[in-house]
Amino acid sequence: MSRWAWGLAVLGLAAGLPAQPPEPAPRQEPAAAQEAEPPEEDEAAAPREYGFNPLQAVKEIRVGNYYFKKGSYRAAALRYEEATRWDPGNAEAYLRLGDALSRQKDKKGAAEAYAKYLEIAPDAKNAAEIRKRIRAAKP
């Protein structure tokens, strides 16, 4: 070491300064604050709340139609089901849900969807055909 370094070291020791600065103490939260906060939940896992939104229902039907034409009947059925949740009075959503479920060989689900369609639109043009589908779906 040079003279300057020795001189500074001696001055530091004489002044009572530590060689390295002390580390700050870890910050501790009060125990009550830690317990009061609930654990964060994944927002995607939270149940979805539905309200009357016919525009969203139409959007879901449109996407469901895309999946239906593509041959992905399960995805189409899920979209049509979403549409029925956004607008429970949308007869088209129930009709298309019944079609998608019948393509998946879910006769009971298709019959329920068709029955709901007829409940909403009893005087539809295709009501006789839908009644035949319901009778064919029942064992």
N, C-alpha and C. Protein backbone atom coordinates (compact mmCIF):
# COMPACT_ATOMS: atom_id res chain seq x y z
N MET A 1 0.83 -1.18 0.00
CA MET A 1 0.00 0.00 0.00
C MET A 1 0.88 1.25 0.00
N SER A 2 0.31 2.26 -0.53
CA SER A 2 1.05 3.51 -0.57
C SER A 2 0.85 4.26 0.73
N ARG A 3 1.58 5.32 0.85
CA ARG A 3 1.47 6.13 2.06
C ARG A 3 0.07 6.72 2.21
N TRP A 4 -0.51 7.12 1.11
CA TRP A 4 -1.83 7.73 1.16
C TRP A 4 -2.89 6.74 1.64
N ALA A 5 -2.80 5.53 1.15
CA ALA A 5 -3.77 4.52 1.54
C ALA A 5 -3.64 4.21 3.02
N TRP A 6 -2.38 4.10 3.51
CA TRP A 6 -2.17 3.84 4.93
C TRP A 6 -2.68 5.00 5.77
N GLY A 7 -2.47 6.16 5.27
CA GLY A 7 -2.90 7.34 6.01
C GLY A 7 -4.41 7.40 6.13
N LEU A 8 -5.10 7.09 5.03
CA LEU A 8 -6.56 7.09 5.08
C LEU A 8 -7.11 5.99 5.98
N ALA A 9 -6.48 4.82 5.95
CA ALA A 9 -6.91 3.72 6.80
C ALA A 9 -6.74 4.06 8.26
N VAL A 10 -5.61 4.70 8.59
CA VAL A 10 -5.36 5.09 9.98
C VAL A 10 -6.34 6.15 10.41
N LEU A 11 -6.63 7.10 9.54
CA LEU A 11 -7.61 8.13 9.88
C LEU A 11 -9.00 7.54 10.08
N GLY A 12 -9.35 6.60 9.23
CA GLY A 12 -10.65 5.96 9.37
C GLY A 12 -10.77 5.20 10.67
N LEU A 13 -9.73 4.48 11.06
CA LEU A 13 -9.76 3.75 12.32
C LEU A 13 -9.77 4.70 13.50
N ALA A 14 -9.02 5.78 13.38
CA ALA A 14 -8.95 6.75 14.47
C ALA A 14 -10.28 7.46 14.64
N ALA A 15 -10.97 7.70 13.56
CA ALA A 15 -12.26 8.39 13.64
C ALA A 15 -13.38 7.46 14.09
N GLY A 16 -13.11 6.15 14.10
CA GLY A 16 -14.13 5.20 14.54
C GLY A 16 -15.10 4.82 13.44
N LEU A 17 -14.74 5.07 12.21
CA LEU A 17 -15.60 4.71 11.09
C LEU A 17 -15.41 3.24 10.75
N PRO A 18 -16.46 2.52 10.52
CA PRO A 18 -16.30 1.12 10.14
C PRO A 18 -15.75 1.03 8.72
N ALA A 19 -15.14 -0.09 8.42
CA ALA A 19 -14.54 -0.28 7.11
C ALA A 19 -15.62 -0.33 6.02
N GLN A 20 -16.77 -0.92 6.30
CA GLN A 20 -17.87 -0.99 5.35
C GLN A 20 -19.12 -0.42 5.99
N PRO A 21 -19.97 0.20 5.21
CA PRO A 21 -21.20 0.76 5.80
C PRO A 21 -22.10 -0.38 6.27
N PRO A 22 -22.83 -0.15 7.35
CA PRO A 22 -23.73 -1.21 7.85
C PRO A 22 -24.89 -1.43 6.88
N GLU A 23 -25.37 -2.66 6.84
CA GLU A 23 -26.52 -3.00 6.00
C GLU A 23 -27.80 -2.53 6.69
N PRO A 24 -28.74 -2.03 5.92
CA PRO A 24 -29.99 -1.59 6.55
C PRO A 24 -30.76 -2.81 7.09
N ALA A 25 -31.44 -2.59 8.17
CA ALA A 25 -32.23 -3.66 8.80
C ALA A 25 -33.39 -4.00 7.88
N PRO A 26 -33.76 -5.28 7.77
CA PRO A 26 -34.89 -5.65 6.92
C PRO A 26 -36.18 -5.04 7.46
N ARG A 27 -37.00 -4.58 6.53
CA ARG A 27 -38.27 -3.96 6.91
C ARG A 27 -39.26 -5.04 7.29
N GLN A 28 -39.86 -4.91 8.42
CA GLN A 28 -40.82 -5.90 8.89
C GLN A 28 -42.22 -5.28 8.93
N GLU A 29 -43.16 -6.00 8.34
CA GLU A 29 -44.55 -5.57 8.35
C GLU A 29 -45.18 -6.01 9.67
N PRO A 30 -46.11 -5.25 10.16
CA PRO A 30 -46.82 -5.70 11.36
C PRO A 30 -47.59 -6.99 11.06
N ALA A 31 -47.67 -7.86 12.03
CA ALA A 31 -48.32 -9.16 11.84
C ALA A 31 -49.80 -9.00 11.50
N ALA A 32 -50.47 -8.01 12.03
CA ALA A 32 -51.89 -7.82 11.77
C ALA A 32 -52.13 -7.45 10.30
N ALA A 33 -51.24 -6.66 9.72
CA ALA A 33 -51.41 -6.26 8.33
C ALA A 33 -51.21 -7.44 7.40
N GLN A 34 -50.30 -8.33 7.75
CA GLN A 34 -50.04 -9.49 6.91
C GLN A 34 -51.25 -10.44 6.92
N GLU A 35 -51.88 -10.61 8.03
CA GLU A 35 -53.00 -11.52 8.15
C GLU A 35 -54.29 -10.93 7.57
N ALA A 36 -54.42 -9.62 7.56
CA ALA A 36 -55.65 -8.99 7.11
C ALA A 36 -55.81 -9.08 5.59
N GLU A 37 -54.72 -9.10 4.84
CA GLU A 37 -54.81 -9.15 3.39
C GLU A 37 -55.06 -10.57 2.93
N PRO A 38 -56.11 -10.80 2.15
CA PRO A 38 -56.34 -12.15 1.64
C PRO A 38 -55.32 -12.46 0.55
N PRO A 39 -55.05 -13.71 0.32
CA PRO A 39 -54.11 -14.05 -0.75
C PRO A 39 -54.70 -13.68 -2.11
N GLU A 40 -53.82 -13.27 -3.00
CA GLU A 40 -54.29 -12.89 -4.33
C GLU A 40 -54.79 -14.13 -5.06
N GLU A 41 -55.87 -13.94 -5.78
CA GLU A 41 -56.44 -15.04 -6.54
C GLU A 41 -56.24 -14.80 -8.02
N ASP A 42 -56.21 -15.85 -8.75
CA ASP A 42 -56.12 -15.75 -10.20
C ASP A 42 -57.46 -15.25 -10.71
N GLU A 43 -57.45 -14.12 -11.40
CA GLU A 43 -58.70 -13.53 -11.87
C GLU A 43 -59.39 -14.41 -12.91
N ALA A 44 -58.61 -15.19 -13.64
CA ALA A 44 -59.20 -16.06 -14.66
C ALA A 44 -59.98 -17.21 -14.01
N ALA A 45 -59.61 -17.59 -12.79
CA ALA A 45 -60.28 -18.69 -12.11
C ALA A 45 -61.56 -18.23 -11.40
N ALA A 46 -61.74 -16.94 -11.26
CA ALA A 46 -62.92 -16.43 -10.58
C ALA A 46 -64.16 -16.69 -11.45
N PRO A 47 -65.30 -16.98 -10.84
CA PRO A 47 -66.51 -17.21 -11.64
C PRO A 47 -66.92 -15.94 -12.37
N ARG A 48 -67.35 -16.12 -13.59
CA ARG A 48 -67.72 -14.99 -14.43
C ARG A 48 -69.15 -14.56 -14.12
N GLU A 49 -69.36 -13.27 -14.06
CA GLU A 49 -70.70 -12.76 -13.80
C GLU A 49 -71.31 -12.32 -15.13
N TYR A 50 -72.53 -12.77 -15.37
CA TYR A 50 -73.22 -12.46 -16.61
C TYR A 50 -74.36 -11.51 -16.34
N GLY A 51 -74.53 -10.61 -17.25
CA GLY A 51 -75.66 -9.69 -17.22
C GLY A 51 -76.29 -9.68 -18.60
N PHE A 52 -77.37 -8.99 -18.73
CA PHE A 52 -78.04 -8.93 -20.03
C PHE A 52 -77.19 -8.10 -20.98
N ASN A 53 -76.64 -8.76 -22.00
CA ASN A 53 -75.80 -8.08 -22.99
C ASN A 53 -76.04 -8.74 -24.35
N PRO A 54 -77.06 -8.29 -25.08
CA PRO A 54 -77.37 -8.93 -26.36
C PRO A 54 -76.27 -8.75 -27.40
N LEU A 55 -75.51 -7.68 -27.33
CA LEU A 55 -74.42 -7.50 -28.29
C LEU A 55 -73.33 -8.55 -28.10
N GLN A 56 -73.03 -8.84 -26.85
CA GLN A 56 -72.03 -9.88 -26.57
C GLN A 56 -72.58 -11.24 -27.00
N ALA A 57 -73.86 -11.47 -26.83
CA ALA A 57 -74.48 -12.73 -27.26
C ALA A 57 -74.36 -12.91 -28.76
N VAL A 58 -74.61 -11.85 -29.52
CA VAL A 58 -74.49 -11.91 -30.98
C VAL A 58 -73.04 -12.21 -31.37
N LYS A 59 -72.12 -11.60 -30.67
CA LYS A 59 -70.70 -11.84 -30.94
C LYS A 59 -70.35 -13.31 -30.68
N GLU A 60 -70.84 -13.85 -29.57
CA GLU A 60 -70.58 -15.25 -29.24
C GLU A 60 -71.19 -16.18 -30.29
N ILE A 61 -72.37 -15.86 -30.78
CA ILE A 61 -73.02 -16.67 -31.82
C ILE A 61 -72.20 -16.63 -33.10
N ARG A 62 -71.71 -15.46 -33.45
CA ARG A 62 -70.90 -15.31 -34.66
C ARG A 62 -69.63 -16.17 -34.58
N VAL A 63 -68.98 -16.14 -33.43
CA VAL A 63 -67.77 -16.95 -33.25
C VAL A 63 -68.14 -18.44 -33.23
N GLY A 64 -69.26 -18.76 -32.62
CA GLY A 64 -69.73 -20.15 -32.60
C GLY A 64 -70.02 -20.65 -34.00
N ASN A 65 -70.59 -19.80 -34.85
CA ASN A 65 -70.84 -20.18 -36.24
C ASN A 65 -69.54 -20.49 -36.98
N TYR A 66 -68.52 -19.70 -36.69
CA TYR A 66 -67.21 -19.96 -37.31
C TYR A 66 -66.70 -21.35 -36.92
N TYR A 67 -66.77 -21.65 -35.62
CA TYR A 67 -66.30 -22.96 -35.16
C TYR A 67 -67.16 -24.09 -35.72
N PHE A 68 -68.47 -23.86 -35.83
CA PHE A 68 -69.37 -24.88 -36.36
C PHE A 68 -69.03 -25.20 -37.81
N LYS A 69 -68.82 -24.16 -38.62
CA LYS A 69 -68.46 -24.38 -40.03
C LYS A 69 -67.10 -25.05 -40.16
N LYS A 70 -66.23 -24.78 -39.20
CA LYS A 70 -64.90 -25.38 -39.20
C LYS A 70 -64.95 -26.86 -38.80
N GLY A 71 -66.04 -27.26 -38.14
CA GLY A 71 -66.19 -28.65 -37.71
C GLY A 71 -65.79 -28.86 -36.26
N SER A 72 -65.52 -27.79 -35.54
CA SER A 72 -65.16 -27.88 -34.13
C SER A 72 -66.44 -27.66 -33.31
N TYR A 73 -67.21 -28.73 -33.17
CA TYR A 73 -68.53 -28.63 -32.57
C TYR A 73 -68.49 -28.36 -31.07
N ARG A 74 -67.48 -28.84 -30.41
CA ARG A 74 -67.36 -28.59 -28.96
C ARG A 74 -67.14 -27.11 -28.70
N ALA A 75 -66.22 -26.50 -29.46
CA ALA A 75 -65.95 -25.07 -29.29
C ALA A 75 -67.19 -24.26 -29.67
N ALA A 76 -67.89 -24.68 -30.70
CA ALA A 76 -69.11 -23.97 -31.10
C ALA A 76 -70.16 -24.05 -30.00
N ALA A 77 -70.32 -25.23 -29.42
CA ALA A 77 -71.31 -25.40 -28.35
C ALA A 77 -70.97 -24.52 -27.15
N LEU A 78 -69.70 -24.41 -26.82
CA LEU A 78 -69.30 -23.56 -25.70
C LEU A 78 -69.64 -22.10 -25.98
N ARG A 79 -69.42 -21.66 -27.21
CA ARG A 79 -69.75 -20.27 -27.57
C ARG A 79 -71.25 -20.03 -27.56
N TYR A 80 -72.01 -20.99 -28.06
CA TYR A 80 -73.47 -20.82 -28.04
C TYR A 80 -74.00 -20.81 -26.60
N GLU A 81 -73.39 -21.61 -25.75
CA GLU A 81 -73.79 -21.62 -24.35
C GLU A 81 -73.48 -20.27 -23.69
N GLU A 82 -72.33 -19.69 -24.03
CA GLU A 82 -72.00 -18.35 -23.54
C GLU A 82 -73.05 -17.35 -24.01
N ALA A 83 -73.47 -17.48 -25.25
CA ALA A 83 -74.48 -16.56 -25.79
C ALA A 83 -75.78 -16.67 -25.01
N THR A 84 -76.16 -17.88 -24.61
CA THR A 84 -77.40 -18.05 -23.84
C THR A 84 -77.27 -17.44 -22.45
N ARG A 85 -76.07 -17.36 -21.95
CA ARG A 85 -75.88 -16.73 -20.63
C ARG A 85 -75.95 -15.22 -20.74
N TRP A 86 -75.44 -14.66 -21.84
CA TRP A 86 -75.49 -13.21 -22.01
C TRP A 86 -76.90 -12.74 -22.36
N ASP A 87 -77.64 -13.55 -23.11
CA ASP A 87 -79.01 -13.18 -23.49
C ASP A 87 -79.88 -14.44 -23.44
N PRO A 88 -80.49 -14.70 -22.30
CA PRO A 88 -81.29 -15.92 -22.15
C PRO A 88 -82.51 -15.98 -23.06
N GLY A 89 -82.91 -14.89 -23.65
CA GLY A 89 -84.07 -14.87 -24.53
C GLY A 89 -83.72 -14.99 -26.00
N ASN A 90 -82.48 -15.29 -26.32
CA ASN A 90 -82.05 -15.40 -27.72
C ASN A 90 -82.34 -16.80 -28.23
N ALA A 91 -83.37 -16.93 -29.05
CA ALA A 91 -83.79 -18.24 -29.55
C ALA A 91 -82.74 -18.85 -30.47
N GLU A 92 -82.08 -18.03 -31.27
CA GLU A 92 -81.08 -18.54 -32.21
C GLU A 92 -79.94 -19.25 -31.47
N ALA A 93 -79.55 -18.72 -30.33
CA ALA A 93 -78.45 -19.34 -29.57
C ALA A 93 -78.84 -20.75 -29.13
N TYR A 94 -80.09 -20.92 -28.68
CA TYR A 94 -80.53 -22.25 -28.24
C TYR A 94 -80.65 -23.22 -29.42
N LEU A 95 -81.13 -22.72 -30.56
CA LEU A 95 -81.24 -23.57 -31.74
C LEU A 95 -79.86 -24.06 -32.18
N ARG A 96 -78.92 -23.15 -32.25
CA ARG A 96 -77.57 -23.52 -32.68
C ARG A 96 -76.86 -24.38 -31.65
N LEU A 97 -77.14 -24.14 -30.37
CA LEU A 97 -76.58 -24.99 -29.32
C LEU A 97 -77.09 -26.41 -29.48
N GLY A 98 -78.38 -26.55 -29.76
CA GLY A 98 -78.93 -27.88 -30.01
C GLY A 98 -78.28 -28.56 -31.19
N ASP A 99 -78.05 -27.82 -32.27
CA ASP A 99 -77.39 -28.38 -33.45
C ASP A 99 -75.97 -28.86 -33.13
N ALA A 100 -75.23 -28.02 -32.38
CA ALA A 100 -73.85 -28.38 -32.04
C ALA A 100 -73.81 -29.59 -31.11
N LEU A 101 -74.73 -29.65 -30.16
CA LEU A 101 -74.75 -30.79 -29.23
C LEU A 101 -75.17 -32.07 -29.94
N SER A 102 -76.09 -31.96 -30.90
CA SER A 102 -76.51 -33.16 -31.63
C SER A 102 -75.36 -33.69 -32.49
N ARG A 103 -74.52 -32.80 -33.00
CA ARG A 103 -73.35 -33.24 -33.77
C ARG A 103 -72.32 -33.93 -32.88
N GLN A 104 -72.37 -33.62 -31.58
CA GLN A 104 -71.46 -34.28 -30.62
C GLN A 104 -72.07 -35.54 -30.04
N LYS A 105 -73.24 -35.92 -30.50
CA LYS A 105 -73.96 -37.11 -30.03
C LYS A 105 -74.46 -36.95 -28.59
N ASP A 106 -74.70 -35.71 -28.17
CA ASP A 106 -75.27 -35.44 -26.85
C ASP A 106 -76.77 -35.22 -27.04
N LYS A 107 -77.52 -36.33 -27.09
CA LYS A 107 -78.95 -36.25 -27.40
C LYS A 107 -79.74 -35.53 -26.32
N LYS A 108 -79.40 -35.80 -25.07
CA LYS A 108 -80.13 -35.18 -23.97
C LYS A 108 -79.93 -33.67 -23.96
N GLY A 109 -78.69 -33.23 -24.10
CA GLY A 109 -78.40 -31.79 -24.13
C GLY A 109 -79.03 -31.11 -25.32
N ALA A 110 -79.00 -31.79 -26.47
CA ALA A 110 -79.61 -31.22 -27.68
C ALA A 110 -81.11 -31.09 -27.50
N ALA A 111 -81.74 -32.10 -26.92
CA ALA A 111 -83.19 -32.04 -26.70
C ALA A 111 -83.56 -30.90 -25.76
N GLU A 112 -82.76 -30.69 -24.71
CA GLU A 112 -83.02 -29.59 -23.78
C GLU A 112 -82.88 -28.23 -24.48
N ALA A 113 -81.84 -28.10 -25.31
CA ALA A 113 -81.64 -26.83 -26.02
C ALA A 113 -82.77 -26.59 -27.01
N TYR A 114 -83.19 -27.63 -27.72
CA TYR A 114 -84.30 -27.49 -28.67
C TYR A 114 -85.60 -27.14 -27.94
N ALA A 115 -85.82 -27.76 -26.78
CA ALA A 115 -87.03 -27.46 -26.00
C ALA A 115 -87.04 -26.00 -25.55
N LYS A 116 -85.90 -25.51 -25.15
CA LYS A 116 -85.81 -24.10 -24.75
C LYS A 116 -86.04 -23.19 -25.95
N TYR A 117 -85.55 -23.60 -27.12
CA TYR A 117 -85.79 -22.83 -28.34
C TYR A 117 -87.29 -22.74 -28.63
N LEU A 118 -87.99 -23.87 -28.52
CA LEU A 118 -89.43 -23.87 -28.77
C LEU A 118 -90.19 -23.08 -27.70
N GLU A 119 -89.65 -23.06 -26.49
CA GLU A 119 -90.28 -22.29 -25.42
C GLU A 119 -90.20 -20.79 -25.74
N ILE A 120 -89.07 -20.37 -26.28
CA ILE A 120 -88.88 -18.95 -26.61
C ILE A 120 -89.61 -18.57 -27.90
N ALA A 121 -89.54 -19.46 -28.90
CA ALA A 121 -90.15 -19.18 -30.21
C ALA A 121 -91.09 -20.32 -30.60
N PRO A 122 -92.27 -20.41 -29.98
CA PRO A 122 -93.17 -21.53 -30.26
C PRO A 122 -93.76 -21.50 -31.68
N ASP A 123 -93.84 -20.34 -32.28
CA ASP A 123 -94.43 -20.24 -33.61
C ASP A 123 -93.36 -20.07 -34.70
N ALA A 124 -92.17 -20.62 -34.47
CA ALA A 124 -91.10 -20.53 -35.46
C ALA A 124 -91.45 -21.35 -36.70
N LYS A 125 -90.89 -21.01 -37.83
CA LYS A 125 -91.17 -21.71 -39.09
C LYS A 125 -90.75 -23.17 -39.04
N ASN A 126 -89.67 -23.43 -38.31
CA ASN A 126 -89.14 -24.80 -38.25
C ASN A 126 -89.56 -25.52 -36.97
N ALA A 127 -90.63 -25.11 -36.33
CA ALA A 127 -91.05 -25.70 -35.07
C ALA A 127 -91.40 -27.18 -35.22
N ALA A 128 -92.05 -27.56 -36.32
CA ALA A 128 -92.41 -28.97 -36.52
C ALA A 128 -91.15 -29.83 -36.66
N GLU A 129 -90.17 -29.33 -37.38
CA GLU A 129 -88.91 -30.07 -37.55
C GLU A 129 -88.17 -30.22 -36.22
N ILE A 130 -88.20 -29.17 -35.41
CA ILE A 130 -87.52 -29.21 -34.11
C ILE A 130 -88.22 -30.19 -33.18
N ARG A 131 -89.54 -30.25 -33.23
CA ARG A 131 -90.28 -31.22 -32.41
C ARG A 131 -89.91 -32.65 -32.80
N LYS A 132 -89.71 -32.89 -34.10
CA LYS A 132 -89.27 -34.22 -34.56
C LYS A 132 -87.88 -34.55 -34.01
N ARG A 133 -87.01 -33.55 -34.00
CA ARG A 133 -85.66 -33.76 -33.46
C ARG A 133 -85.69 -34.10 -31.98
N ILE A 134 -86.59 -33.44 -31.25
CA ILE A 134 -86.71 -33.71 -29.81
C ILE A 134 -87.22 -35.13 -29.59
N ARG A 135 -88.24 -35.53 -30.37
CA ARG A 135 -88.76 -36.90 -30.23
C ARG A 135 -87.70 -37.94 -30.60
N ALA A 136 -86.91 -37.66 -31.62
CA ALA A 136 -85.85 -38.59 -32.03
C ALA A 136 -84.74 -38.68 -30.99
N ALA A 137 -84.53 -37.61 -30.24
CA ALA A 137 -83.45 -37.59 -29.25
C ALA A 137 -83.84 -38.36 -27.98
N LYS A 138 -85.13 -38.45 -27.70
CA LYS A 138 -85.58 -39.15 -26.49
C LYS A 138 -85.55 -40.65 -26.73
N PRO A 139 -85.09 -41.42 -25.75
CA PRO A 139 -85.00 -42.89 -25.92
C PRO A 139 -86.33 -43.59 -25.90
